[in-house]
Amino acid sequence: MRAILEIIILLIDLYWWVLLAMIILSWLISFNVINTANQFVATVFRVVTALTEPLLKPIRRVVPAVGGLDLSPIVLFVGLYFVRRVIILYIYPNVF
């Protein structure tokens, strides 16, 4: 059972990095530092967006954009941190 919890924690950590990559890529594209005309950039952005949108879309319906600033990634970061801490502090120690 602990191995399964370790895998879940690893997946949460990996998803955290994918979400961070999506945020950085969207900023770089918005400020025209990198261009989506580049096939590699477009492919990476499509993959990262496809991985993050299923969790961000429901949050965006609940949390409105404030002054054009999308707060949904911050809410998702907090949610991922909360789930990770619950697993580490409460579930993991009680598994034999």
PDB file of N, CA and C in Angstrom:
ATOM      1  N   MET A   1       0.824  -1.201   0.000  1.00  0.00           N
ATOM      2  CA  MET A   1       0.000   0.000   0.000  1.00  0.00           C
ATOM      3  C   MET A   1       0.865   1.259   0.000  1.00  0.00           C
ATOM      4  N   ARG A   2       1.983   1.213   0.722  1.00  0.00           N
ATOM      5  CA  ARG A   2       2.858   2.391   0.740  1.00  0.00           C
ATOM      6  C   ARG A   2       3.442   2.687  -0.635  1.00  0.00           C
ATOM      7  N   ALA A   3       3.683   1.643  -1.403  1.00  0.00           N
ATOM      8  CA  ALA A   3       4.211   1.846  -2.762  1.00  0.00           C
ATOM      9  C   ALA A   3       3.200   2.607  -3.615  1.00  0.00           C
ATOM     10  N   ILE A   4       1.934   2.296  -3.456  1.00  0.00           N
ATOM     11  CA  ILE A   4       0.892   3.001  -4.208  1.00  0.00           C
ATOM     12  C   ILE A   4       0.839   4.459  -3.790  1.00  0.00           C
ATOM     13  N   LEU A   5       0.947   4.717  -2.487  1.00  0.00           N
ATOM     14  CA  LEU A   5       0.947   6.107  -2.014  1.00  0.00           C
ATOM     15  C   LEU A   5       2.168   6.865  -2.520  1.00  0.00           C
ATOM     16  N   GLU A   6       3.318   6.199  -2.567  1.00  0.00           N
ATOM     17  CA  GLU A   6       4.522   6.837  -3.108  1.00  0.00           C
ATOM     18  C   GLU A   6       4.335   7.195  -4.584  1.00  0.00           C
ATOM     19  N   ILE A   7       3.698   6.309  -5.343  1.00  0.00           N
ATOM     20  CA  ILE A   7       3.439   6.584  -6.757  1.00  0.00           C
ATOM     21  C   ILE A   7       2.474   7.753  -6.910  1.00  0.00           C
ATOM     22  N   ILE A   8       1.453   7.819  -6.068  1.00  0.00           N
ATOM     23  CA  ILE A   8       0.500   8.937  -6.116  1.00  0.00           C
ATOM     24  C   ILE A   8       1.202  10.252  -5.801  1.00  0.00           C
ATOM     25  N   ILE A   9       2.073  10.238  -4.792  1.00  0.00           N
ATOM     26  CA  ILE A   9       2.830  11.452  -4.452  1.00  0.00           C
ATOM     27  C   ILE A   9       3.746  11.849  -5.599  1.00  0.00           C
ATOM     28  N   LEU A  10       4.387  10.874  -6.228  1.00  0.00           N
ATOM     29  CA  LEU A  10       5.249  11.155  -7.381  1.00  0.00           C
ATOM     30  C   LEU A  10       4.451  11.758  -8.525  1.00  0.00           C
ATOM     31  N   LEU A  11       3.260  11.225  -8.806  1.00  0.00           N
ATOM     32  CA  LEU A  11       2.418  11.761  -9.868  1.00  0.00           C
ATOM     33  C   LEU A  11       1.958  13.185  -9.558  1.00  0.00           C
ATOM     34  N   ILE A  12       1.639  13.453  -8.302  1.00  0.00           N
ATOM     35  CA  ILE A  12       1.269  14.820  -7.912  1.00  0.00           C
ATOM     36  C   ILE A  12       2.442  15.760  -8.132  1.00  0.00           C
ATOM     37  N   ASP A  13       3.646  15.329  -7.754  1.00  0.00           N
ATOM     38  CA  ASP A  13       4.838  16.161  -7.971  1.00  0.00           C
ATOM     39  C   ASP A  13       5.098  16.407  -9.453  1.00  0.00           C
ATOM     40  N   LEU A  14       4.954  15.371 -10.274  1.00  0.00           N
ATOM     41  CA  LEU A  14       5.150  15.538 -11.715  1.00  0.00           C
ATOM     42  C   LEU A  14       4.112  16.487 -12.309  1.00  0.00           C
ATOM     43  N   TYR A  15       2.866  16.346 -11.862  1.00  0.00           N
ATOM     44  CA  TYR A  15       1.812  17.224 -12.362  1.00  0.00           C
ATOM     45  C   TYR A  15       2.079  18.668 -11.953  1.00  0.00           C
ATOM     46  N   TRP A  16       2.647  18.853 -10.751  1.00  0.00           N
ATOM     47  CA  TRP A  16       3.008  20.194 -10.290  1.00  0.00           C
ATOM     48  C   TRP A  16       4.001  20.833 -11.268  1.00  0.00           C
ATOM     49  N   TRP A  17       4.994  20.060 -11.713  1.00  0.00           N
ATOM     50  CA  TRP A  17       5.978  20.587 -12.655  1.00  0.00           C
ATOM     51  C   TRP A  17       5.371  20.855 -14.037  1.00  0.00           C
ATOM     52  N   VAL A  18       4.458  20.006 -14.464  1.00  0.00           N
ATOM     53  CA  VAL A  18       3.772  20.229 -15.748  1.00  0.00           C
ATOM     54  C   VAL A  18       2.947  21.511 -15.684  1.00  0.00           C
ATOM     55  N   LEU A  19       2.266  21.734 -14.574  1.00  0.00           N
ATOM     56  CA  LEU A  19       1.482  22.955 -14.392  1.00  0.00           C
ATOM     57  C   LEU A  19       2.386  24.188 -14.395  1.00  0.00           C
ATOM     58  N   LEU A  20       3.523  24.089 -13.743  1.00  0.00           N
ATOM     59  CA  LEU A  20       4.477  25.198 -13.745  1.00  0.00           C
ATOM     60  C   LEU A  20       5.002  25.470 -15.157  1.00  0.00           C
ATOM     61  N   ALA A  21       5.268  24.411 -15.919  1.00  0.00           N
ATOM     62  CA  ALA A  21       5.716  24.576 -17.305  1.00  0.00           C
ATOM     63  C   ALA A  21       4.647  25.242 -18.148  1.00  0.00           C
ATOM     64  N   MET A  22       3.383  24.890 -17.920  1.00  0.00           N
ATOM     65  CA  MET A  22       2.289  25.508 -18.664  1.00  0.00           C
ATOM     66  C   MET A  22       2.207  27.001 -18.371  1.00  0.00           C
ATOM     67  N   ILE A  23       2.355  27.371 -17.114  1.00  0.00           N
ATOM     68  CA  ILE A  23       2.304  28.781 -16.734  1.00  0.00           C
ATOM     69  C   ILE A  23       3.443  29.549 -17.392  1.00  0.00           C
ATOM     70  N   ILE A  24       4.642  29.027 -17.309  1.00  0.00           N
ATOM     71  CA  ILE A  24       5.804  29.711 -17.883  1.00  0.00           C
ATOM     72  C   ILE A  24       5.679  29.804 -19.404  1.00  0.00           C
ATOM     73  N   LEU A  25       5.253  28.714 -20.040  1.00  0.00           N
ATOM     74  CA  LEU A  25       5.080  28.761 -21.497  1.00  0.00           C
ATOM     75  C   LEU A  25       4.014  29.770 -21.912  1.00  0.00           C
ATOM     76  N   SER A  26       2.918  29.831 -21.170  1.00  0.00           N
ATOM     77  CA  SER A  26       1.864  30.785 -21.537  1.00  0.00           C
ATOM     78  C   SER A  26       2.355  32.222 -21.373  1.00  0.00           C
ATOM     79  N   TRP A  27       3.166  32.482 -20.347  1.00  0.00           N
ATOM     80  CA  TRP A  27       3.733  33.824 -20.192  1.00  0.00           C
ATOM     81  C   TRP A  27       4.691  34.149 -21.339  1.00  0.00           C
ATOM     82  N   LEU A  28       5.563  33.204 -21.673  1.00  0.00           N
ATOM     83  CA  LEU A  28       6.523  33.441 -22.749  1.00  0.00           C
ATOM     84  C   LEU A  28       5.824  33.653 -24.084  1.00  0.00           C
ATOM     85  N   ILE A  29       4.749  32.941 -24.316  1.00  0.00           N
ATOM     86  CA  ILE A  29       3.989  33.132 -25.554  1.00  0.00           C
ATOM     87  C   ILE A  29       3.244  34.462 -25.521  1.00  0.00           C
ATOM     88  N   SER A  30       2.680  34.820 -24.369  1.00  0.00           N
ATOM     89  CA  SER A  30       1.941  36.087 -24.254  1.00  0.00           C
ATOM     90  C   SER A  30       2.840  37.293 -24.466  1.00  0.00           C
ATOM     91  N   PHE A  31       4.064  37.223 -23.930  1.00  0.00           N
ATOM     92  CA  PHE A  31       4.986  38.345 -24.070  1.00  0.00           C
ATOM     93  C   PHE A  31       5.839  38.244 -25.328  1.00  0.00           C
ATOM     94  N   ASN A  32       5.479  37.311 -26.210  1.00  0.00           N
ATOM     95  CA  ASN A  32       6.117  37.147 -27.517  1.00  0.00           C
ATOM     96  C   ASN A  32       7.620  36.877 -27.410  1.00  0.00           C
ATOM     97  N   VAL A  33       8.015  36.162 -26.360  1.00  0.00           N
ATOM     98  CA  VAL A  33       9.405  35.748 -26.223  1.00  0.00           C
ATOM     99  C   VAL A  33       9.654  34.519 -27.089  1.00  0.00           C
ATOM    100  N   ILE A  34       8.696  33.605 -27.087  1.00  0.00           N
ATOM    101  CA  ILE A  34       8.758  32.460 -27.984  1.00  0.00           C
ATOM    102  C   ILE A  34       7.502  32.485 -28.854  1.00  0.00           C
ATOM    103  N   ASN A  35       7.589  31.841 -29.982  1.00  0.00           N
ATOM    104  CA  ASN A  35       6.513  31.910 -30.960  1.00  0.00           C
ATOM    105  C   ASN A  35       5.946  30.511 -31.201  1.00  0.00           C
ATOM    106  N   THR A  36       4.636  30.418 -31.266  1.00  0.00           N
ATOM    107  CA  THR A  36       4.007  29.122 -31.523  1.00  0.00           C
ATOM    108  C   THR A  36       4.124  28.696 -32.981  1.00  0.00           C
ATOM    109  N   ALA A  37       4.694  29.550 -33.830  1.00  0.00           N
ATOM    110  CA  ALA A  37       4.965  29.141 -35.206  1.00  0.00           C
ATOM    111  C   ALA A  37       6.072  28.094 -35.242  1.00  0.00           C
ATOM    112  N   ASN A  38       6.912  28.080 -34.215  1.00  0.00           N
ATOM    113  CA  ASN A  38       7.919  27.041 -34.074  1.00  0.00           C
ATOM    114  C   ASN A  38       7.204  25.733 -33.733  1.00  0.00           C
ATOM    115  N   GLN A  39       7.434  24.703 -34.514  1.00  0.00           N
ATOM    116  CA  GLN A  39       6.713  23.437 -34.360  1.00  0.00           C
ATOM    117  C   GLN A  39       6.963  22.792 -33.001  1.00  0.00           C
ATOM    118  N   PHE A  40       8.188  22.863 -32.502  1.00  0.00           N
ATOM    119  CA  PHE A  40       8.507  22.262 -31.203  1.00  0.00           C
ATOM    120  C   PHE A  40       7.766  22.974 -30.078  1.00  0.00           C
ATOM    121  N   VAL A  41       7.777  24.296 -30.100  1.00  0.00           N
ATOM    122  CA  VAL A  41       7.076  25.074 -29.078  1.00  0.00           C
ATOM    123  C   VAL A  41       5.585  24.785 -29.122  1.00  0.00           C
ATOM    124  N   ALA A  42       5.022  24.735 -30.311  1.00  0.00           N
ATOM    125  CA  ALA A  42       3.595  24.468 -30.452  1.00  0.00           C
ATOM    126  C   ALA A  42       3.236  23.075 -29.931  1.00  0.00           C
ATOM    127  N   THR A  43       4.071  22.094 -30.210  1.00  0.00           N
ATOM    128  CA  THR A  43       3.813  20.731 -29.746  1.00  0.00           C
ATOM    129  C   THR A  43       3.901  20.636 -28.234  1.00  0.00           C
ATOM    130  N   VAL A  44       4.938  21.223 -27.656  1.00  0.00           N
ATOM    131  CA  VAL A  44       5.088  21.202 -26.197  1.00  0.00           C
ATOM    132  C   VAL A  44       3.917  21.915 -25.534  1.00  0.00           C
ATOM    133  N   PHE A  45       3.516  23.058 -26.080  1.00  0.00           N
ATOM    134  CA  PHE A  45       2.402  23.803 -25.492  1.00  0.00           C
ATOM    135  C   PHE A  45       1.088  23.026 -25.597  1.00  0.00           C
ATOM    136  N   ARG A  46       0.866  22.351 -26.719  1.00  0.00           N
ATOM    137  CA  ARG A  46      -0.343  21.534 -26.877  1.00  0.00           C
ATOM    138  C   ARG A  46      -0.381  20.392 -25.870  1.00  0.00           C
ATOM    139  N   VAL A  47       0.757  19.720 -25.678  1.00  0.00           N
ATOM    140  CA  VAL A  47       0.822  18.600 -24.737  1.00  0.00           C
ATOM    141  C   VAL A  47       0.596  19.081 -23.313  1.00  0.00           C
ATOM    142  N   VAL A  48       1.276  20.154 -22.940  1.00  0.00           N
ATOM    143  CA  VAL A  48       1.148  20.680 -21.578  1.00  0.00           C
ATOM    144  C   VAL A  48      -0.264  21.194 -21.331  1.00  0.00           C
ATOM    145  N   THR A  49      -0.847  21.851 -22.300  1.00  0.00           N
ATOM    146  CA  THR A  49      -2.218  22.337 -22.162  1.00  0.00           C
ATOM    147  C   THR A  49      -3.202  21.174 -22.081  1.00  0.00           C
ATOM    148  N   ALA A  50      -2.994  20.137 -22.876  1.00  0.00           N
ATOM    149  CA  ALA A  50      -3.887  18.975 -22.829  1.00  0.00           C
ATOM    150  C   ALA A  50      -3.819  18.272 -21.474  1.00  0.00           C
ATOM    151  N   LEU A  51      -2.668  18.311 -20.824  1.00  0.00           N
ATOM    152  CA  LEU A  51      -2.533  17.686 -19.513  1.00  0.00           C
ATOM    153  C   LEU A  51      -3.136  18.522 -18.386  1.00  0.00           C
ATOM    154  N   THR A  52      -3.114  19.836 -18.523  1.00  0.00           N
ATOM    155  CA  THR A  52      -3.559  20.696 -17.420  1.00  0.00           C
ATOM    156  C   THR A  52      -5.000  21.175 -17.546  1.00  0.00           C
ATOM    157  N   GLU A  53      -5.511  21.277 -18.753  1.00  0.00           N
ATOM    158  CA  GLU A  53      -6.865  21.813 -18.932  1.00  0.00           C
ATOM    159  C   GLU A  53      -7.974  21.013 -18.253  1.00  0.00           C
ATOM    160  N   PRO A  54      -7.911  19.685 -18.202  1.00  0.00           N
ATOM    161  CA  PRO A  54      -9.009  18.967 -17.539  1.00  0.00           C
ATOM    162  C   PRO A  54      -9.212  19.358 -16.077  1.00  0.00           C
ATOM    163  N   LEU A  55      -8.159  19.757 -15.385  1.00  0.00           N
ATOM    164  CA  LEU A  55      -8.315  20.199 -13.996  1.00  0.00           C
ATOM    165  C   LEU A  55      -8.504  21.709 -13.877  1.00  0.00           C
ATOM    166  N   LEU A  56      -7.981  22.460 -14.821  1.00  0.00           N
ATOM    167  CA  LEU A  56      -8.108  23.916 -14.740  1.00  0.00           C
ATOM    168  C   LEU A  56      -9.472  24.418 -15.196  1.00  0.00           C
ATOM    169  N   LYS A  57     -10.086  23.743 -16.152  1.00  0.00           N
ATOM    170  CA  LYS A  57     -11.362  24.210 -16.697  1.00  0.00           C
ATOM    171  C   LYS A  57     -12.467  24.288 -15.639  1.00  0.00           C
ATOM    172  N   PRO A  58     -12.663  23.262 -14.787  1.00  0.00           N
ATOM    173  CA  PRO A  58     -13.696  23.394 -13.744  1.00  0.00           C
ATOM    174  C   PRO A  58     -13.387  24.494 -12.735  1.00  0.00           C
ATOM    175  N   ILE A  59     -12.107  24.695 -12.459  1.00  0.00           N
ATOM    176  CA  ILE A  59     -11.728  25.762 -11.524  1.00  0.00           C
ATOM    177  C   ILE A  59     -12.025  27.119 -12.144  1.00  0.00           C
ATOM    178  N   ARG A  60     -11.784  27.268 -13.446  1.00  0.00           N
ATOM    179  CA  ARG A  60     -12.054  28.539 -14.122  1.00  0.00           C
ATOM    180  C   ARG A  60     -13.535  28.887 -14.120  1.00  0.00           C
ATOM    181  N   ARG A  61     -14.404  27.872 -14.114  1.00  0.00           N
ATOM    182  CA  ARG A  61     -15.837  28.144 -14.052  1.00  0.00           C
ATOM    183  C   ARG A  61     -16.241  28.710 -12.701  1.00  0.00           C
ATOM    184  N   VAL A  62     -15.519  28.331 -11.648  1.00  0.00           N
ATOM    185  CA  VAL A  62     -15.856  28.775 -10.290  1.00  0.00           C
ATOM    186  C   VAL A  62     -15.120  30.063  -9.924  1.00  0.00           C
ATOM    187  N   VAL A  63     -13.832  30.132 -10.240  1.00  0.00           N
ATOM    188  CA  VAL A  63     -13.000  31.287  -9.883  1.00  0.00           C
ATOM    189  C   VAL A  63     -12.891  32.206 -11.093  1.00  0.00           C
ATOM    190  N   PRO A  64     -13.460  33.414 -11.003  1.00  0.00           N
ATOM    191  CA  PRO A  64     -13.380  34.320 -12.155  1.00  0.00           C
ATOM    192  C   PRO A  64     -11.986  34.941 -12.289  1.00  0.00           C
ATOM    193  N   ALA A  65     -11.669  35.378 -13.484  1.00  0.00           N
ATOM    194  CA  ALA A  65     -10.412  36.086 -13.713  1.00  0.00           C
ATOM    195  C   ALA A  65     -10.498  37.463 -13.072  1.00  0.00           C
ATOM    196  N   VAL A  66      -9.441  37.846 -12.389  1.00  0.00           N
ATOM    197  CA  VAL A  66      -9.402  39.131 -11.689  1.00  0.00           C
ATOM    198  C   VAL A  66      -8.513  40.076 -12.491  1.00  0.00           C
ATOM    199  N   GLY A  67      -9.127  41.048 -13.121  1.00  0.00           N
ATOM    200  CA  GLY A  67      -8.362  42.017 -13.898  1.00  0.00           C
ATOM    201  C   GLY A  67      -7.577  41.379 -15.035  1.00  0.00           C
ATOM    202  N   GLY A  68      -8.119  40.340 -15.640  1.00  0.00           N
ATOM    203  CA  GLY A  68      -7.434  39.662 -16.729  1.00  0.00           C
ATOM    204  C   GLY A  68      -6.414  38.639 -16.253  1.00  0.00           C
ATOM    205  N   LEU A  69      -6.275  38.474 -14.946  1.00  0.00           N
ATOM    206  CA  LEU A  69      -5.319  37.524 -14.379  1.00  0.00           C
ATOM    207  C   LEU A  69      -6.044  36.226 -14.032  1.00  0.00           C
ATOM    208  N   ASP A  70      -5.588  35.131 -14.584  1.00  0.00           N
ATOM    209  CA  ASP A  70      -6.200  33.824 -14.347  1.00  0.00           C
ATOM    210  C   ASP A  70      -5.643  33.248 -13.047  1.00  0.00           C
ATOM    211  N   LEU A  71      -6.502  33.085 -12.054  1.00  0.00           N
ATOM    212  CA  LEU A  71      -6.084  32.578 -10.751  1.00  0.00           C
ATOM    213  C   LEU A  71      -6.253  31.066 -10.612  1.00  0.00           C
ATOM    214  N   SER A  72      -6.770  30.410 -11.629  1.00  0.00           N
ATOM    215  CA  SER A  72      -7.024  28.977 -11.528  1.00  0.00           C
ATOM    216  C   SER A  72      -5.754  28.141 -11.301  1.00  0.00           C
ATOM    217  N   PRO A  73      -4.603  28.462 -11.898  1.00  0.00           N
ATOM    218  CA  PRO A  73      -3.407  27.674 -11.577  1.00  0.00           C
ATOM    219  C   PRO A  73      -3.000  27.790 -10.102  1.00  0.00           C
ATOM    220  N   ILE A  74      -3.206  28.940  -9.515  1.00  0.00           N
ATOM    221  CA  ILE A  74      -2.867  29.114  -8.096  1.00  0.00           C
ATOM    222  C   ILE A  74      -3.771  28.236  -7.238  1.00  0.00           C
ATOM    223  N   VAL A  75      -5.060  28.215  -7.570  1.00  0.00           N
ATOM    224  CA  VAL A  75      -6.005  27.373  -6.839  1.00  0.00           C
ATOM    225  C   VAL A  75      -5.618  25.903  -6.998  1.00  0.00           C
ATOM    226  N   LEU A  76      -5.210  25.506  -8.197  1.00  0.00           N
ATOM    227  CA  LEU A  76      -4.797  24.120  -8.429  1.00  0.00           C
ATOM    228  C   LEU A  76      -3.513  23.793  -7.678  1.00  0.00           C
ATOM    229  N   PHE A  77      -2.560  24.733  -7.633  1.00  0.00           N
ATOM    230  CA  PHE A  77      -1.347  24.523  -6.844  1.00  0.00           C
ATOM    231  C   PHE A  77      -1.687  24.276  -5.377  1.00  0.00           C
ATOM    232  N   VAL A  78      -2.579  25.078  -4.824  1.00  0.00           N
ATOM    233  CA  VAL A  78      -2.984  24.919  -3.426  1.00  0.00           C
ATOM    234  C   VAL A  78      -3.682  23.577  -3.230  1.00  0.00           C
ATOM    235  N   GLY A  79      -4.543  23.200  -4.163  1.00  0.00           N
ATOM    236  CA  GLY A  79      -5.232  21.916  -4.071  1.00  0.00           C
ATOM    237  C   GLY A  79      -4.272  20.736  -4.129  1.00  0.00           C
ATOM    238  N   LEU A  80      -3.299  20.794  -5.042  1.00  0.00           N
ATOM    239  CA  LEU A  80      -2.307  19.723  -5.134  1.00  0.00           C
ATOM    240  C   LEU A  80      -1.469  19.642  -3.864  1.00  0.00           C
ATOM    241  N   TYR A  81      -1.093  20.801  -3.330  1.00  0.00           N
ATOM    242  CA  TYR A  81      -0.316  20.830  -2.093  1.00  0.00           C
ATOM    243  C   TYR A  81      -1.125  20.232  -0.941  1.00  0.00           C
ATOM    244  N   PHE A  82      -2.415  20.566  -0.872  1.00  0.00           N
ATOM    245  CA  PHE A  82      -3.277  20.051   0.181  1.00  0.00           C
ATOM    246  C   PHE A  82      -3.401  18.528   0.099  1.00  0.00           C
ATOM    247  N   VAL A  83      -3.643  18.007  -1.085  1.00  0.00           N
ATOM    248  CA  VAL A  83      -3.776  16.556  -1.260  1.00  0.00           C
ATOM    249  C   VAL A  83      -2.476  15.856  -0.901  1.00  0.00           C
ATOM    250  N   ARG A  84      -1.369  16.419  -1.327  1.00  0.00           N
ATOM    251  CA  ARG A  84      -0.058  15.823  -1.028  1.00  0.00           C
ATOM    252  C   ARG A  84       0.200  15.793   0.472  1.00  0.00           C
ATOM    253  N   ARG A  85      -0.103  16.885   1.150  1.00  0.00           N
ATOM    254  CA  ARG A  85       0.117  16.946   2.602  1.00  0.00           C
ATOM    255  C   ARG A  85      -0.810  16.005   3.349  1.00  0.00           C
ATOM    256  N   VAL A  86      -2.046  15.876   2.910  1.00  0.00           N
ATOM    257  CA  VAL A  86      -2.976  14.937   3.560  1.00  0.00           C
ATOM    258  C   VAL A  86      -2.444  13.513   3.428  1.00  0.00           C
ATOM    259  N   ILE A  87      -1.957  13.171   2.256  1.00  0.00           N
ATOM    260  CA  ILE A  87      -1.405  11.827   2.067  1.00  0.00           C
ATOM    261  C   ILE A  87      -0.199  11.613   2.964  1.00  0.00           C
ATOM    262  N   ILE A  88       0.717  12.571   2.985  1.00  0.00           N
ATOM    263  CA  ILE A  88       1.956  12.415   3.754  1.00  0.00           C
ATOM    264  C   ILE A  88       1.700  12.413   5.258  1.00  0.00           C
ATOM    265  N   LEU A  89       0.851  13.315   5.740  1.00  0.00           N
ATOM    266  CA  LEU A  89       0.680  13.455   7.173  1.00  0.00           C
ATOM    267  C   LEU A  89      -0.350  12.506   7.789  1.00  0.00           C
ATOM    268  N   TYR A  90      -1.393  12.153   7.048  1.00  0.00           N
ATOM    269  CA  TYR A  90      -2.479  11.400   7.658  1.00  0.00           C
ATOM    270  C   TYR A  90      -2.648   9.990   7.123  1.00  0.00           C
ATOM    271  N   ILE A  91      -2.473   9.794   5.835  1.00  0.00           N
ATOM    272  CA  ILE A  91      -2.727   8.479   5.261  1.00  0.00           C
ATOM    273  C   ILE A  91      -1.469   7.594   5.340  1.00  0.00           C
ATOM    274  N   TYR A  92      -0.331   8.144   4.917  1.00  0.00           N
ATOM    275  CA  TYR A  92       0.907   7.356   4.852  1.00  0.00           C
ATOM    276  C   TYR A  92       1.316   6.771   6.204  1.00  0.00           C
ATOM    277  N   PRO A  93       1.296   7.531   7.307  1.00  0.00           N
ATOM    278  CA  PRO A  93       1.710   6.945   8.595  1.00  0.00           C
ATOM    279  C   PRO A  93       0.787   5.844   9.109  1.00  0.00           C
ATOM    280  N   ASN A  94      -0.466   5.833   8.668  1.00  0.00           N
ATOM    281  CA  ASN A  94      -1.419   4.848   9.157  1.00  0.00           C
ATOM    282  C   ASN A  94      -1.484   3.583   8.328  1.00  0.00           C
ATOM    283  N   VAL A  95      -0.687   3.513   7.268  1.00  0.00           N
ATOM    284  CA  VAL A  95      -0.662   2.321   6.428  1.00  0.00           C
ATOM    285  C   VAL A  95       0.457   1.432   6.933  1.00  0.00           C
ATOM    286  N   PHE A  96       0.144   0.185   7.147  1.00  0.00           N
ATOM    287  CA  PHE A  96       1.145  -0.747   7.702  1.00  0.00           C
ATOM    288  C   PHE A  96       1.911  -1.447   6.620  1.00  0.00           C
TER     289      PHE A  96
END
